[in-house]
Structures are given as structure tokens and as C-alpha cells.
Amino acid sequence: MESVHQSMRQQGLVRPAQGRVLGGVCAGLGRRFGIDPWPARLLFILILLLIPGSQILIYPILWIIMPAEPVTATPPVDVWAKTTH
């Protein structure tokens, strides 16, 4: 399964850490193809409506095979150090 995740990462297909609604699949697909998340979600729904029953299979499968975007930790900002007296 790790080779599948690595292949998806190389192609830019990752579920983003921010901006998810459910699992981040549509947001990740939208990012990969250069469209905003909401139009990507609507397009995904329209495509799935053309193939009855596919919603039950395709989204969970993509959720499993698309790796999550690595979360980069940002150091906490010291508010008191930035204030001048």
C-alpha cells in the first residue's frame, strides 16, 4: 500500500490537511487539477450521478488510496516577544 501512496504523492494526489469537508478527496482532486475545492466537489457529484451506485464505491476507495498531506508543524508565535514597550 505504501507504493500506491508514494505513487499518488508523486502525481500530486494527496488529501490536504486544511480545507477538508469529509475526507479531503475532492479538495485533493481539485488541487491536483487546478480548480477550487467547491467546483471540484460539484463536478465529482455530477459525475457520480451519471453512474448510479458509484458513490458508495469510488469515494471510499479514493479516501483509502489517496495519502494525507504531511502536516508541517509551525512553531508557536510568542506574542509577548513582538510587543514593544
Protein backbone atom coordinates (compact mmCIF):
# COMPACT_ATOMS: atom_id res chain seq x y z
CA MET A 1 0.00 0.00 0.00
CA GLU A 2 2.94 2.32 0.65
CA SER A 3 3.99 2.11 -3.01
CA VAL A 4 0.48 3.21 -4.03
CA HIS A 5 0.66 6.15 -1.61
CA GLN A 6 4.12 7.09 -2.89
CA SER A 7 2.90 6.98 -6.49
CA MET A 8 -0.08 9.20 -5.63
CA ARG A 9 2.20 11.68 -3.82
CA GLN A 10 4.47 11.90 -6.87
CA GLN A 11 1.45 12.67 -9.06
CA GLY A 12 0.26 15.36 -6.64
CA LEU A 13 -2.81 13.44 -5.49
CA VAL A 14 -2.94 13.99 -1.74
CA ARG A 15 -5.75 14.81 0.64
CA PRO A 16 -4.96 18.30 2.01
CA ALA A 17 -4.62 18.87 5.72
CA GLN A 18 -6.70 22.07 5.52
CA GLY A 19 -9.99 22.68 3.72
CA ARG A 20 -11.47 19.21 4.05
CA VAL A 21 -15.21 18.72 4.24
CA LEU A 22 -15.34 14.97 4.71
CA GLY A 23 -12.13 13.15 3.86
CA GLY A 24 -10.43 15.68 1.60
CA VAL A 25 -10.74 13.59 -1.56
CA CYS A 26 -12.49 16.25 -3.67
CA ALA A 27 -10.26 19.03 -2.34
CA GLY A 28 -7.21 16.93 -3.26
CA LEU A 29 -8.56 16.20 -6.74
CA GLY A 30 -9.38 19.87 -7.23
CA ARG A 31 -5.89 20.92 -6.15
CA ARG A 32 -4.30 18.36 -8.48
CA PHE A 33 -6.29 19.55 -11.50
CA GLY A 34 -6.06 23.25 -10.65
CA ILE A 35 -9.64 24.03 -9.65
CA ASP A 36 -11.12 25.31 -6.40
CA PRO A 37 -12.48 22.73 -3.95
CA TRP A 38 -16.19 23.60 -4.26
CA PRO A 39 -16.40 23.36 -8.05
CA ALA A 40 -14.40 20.12 -7.77
CA ARG A 41 -16.93 18.76 -5.28
CA LEU A 42 -19.85 19.70 -7.51
CA LEU A 43 -18.19 18.17 -10.56
CA PHE A 44 -17.41 15.00 -8.60
CA ILE A 45 -21.06 14.72 -7.53
CA LEU A 46 -22.32 15.30 -11.07
CA ILE A 47 -20.01 12.66 -12.48
CA LEU A 48 -21.03 10.16 -9.81
CA LEU A 49 -24.72 10.80 -10.52
CA LEU A 50 -24.15 9.64 -14.08
CA ILE A 51 -23.04 6.24 -12.82
CA PRO A 52 -25.66 5.03 -10.29
CA GLY A 53 -24.25 3.34 -7.21
CA SER A 54 -20.70 4.50 -7.82
CA GLN A 55 -20.84 6.98 -4.93
CA ILE A 56 -20.75 4.10 -2.48
CA LEU A 57 -17.58 2.66 -4.02
CA ILE A 58 -15.48 5.42 -5.57
CA TYR A 59 -15.25 7.96 -2.73
CA PRO A 60 -14.24 5.44 -0.01
CA ILE A 61 -11.72 3.81 -2.35
CA LEU A 62 -10.16 7.17 -3.15
CA TRP A 63 -10.18 8.05 0.55
CA ILE A 64 -8.16 4.91 1.26
CA ILE A 65 -5.66 5.10 -1.61
CA MET A 66 -5.04 8.89 -1.55
CA PRO A 67 -2.46 9.66 1.13
CA ALA A 68 -2.97 12.52 3.54
CA GLU A 69 -0.82 15.59 3.05
CA PRO A 70 2.04 15.67 5.54
CA VAL A 71 1.34 18.13 8.33
CA THR A 72 4.17 20.57 8.90
CA ALA A 73 4.41 21.84 12.42
CA THR A 74 4.83 25.57 12.75
CA PRO A 75 6.48 26.91 15.86
CA PRO A 76 4.14 28.83 18.17
CA VAL A 77 4.32 32.59 17.86
CA ASP A 78 5.39 34.38 21.02
CA VAL A 79 3.03 37.36 21.15
CA TRP A 80 4.77 38.96 24.08
CA ALA A 81 8.17 38.97 22.37
CA LYS A 82 6.77 41.00 19.47
CA THR A 83 5.30 43.81 21.55
CA THR A 84 7.42 46.85 22.19
CA HIS A 85 7.26 48.88 25.34
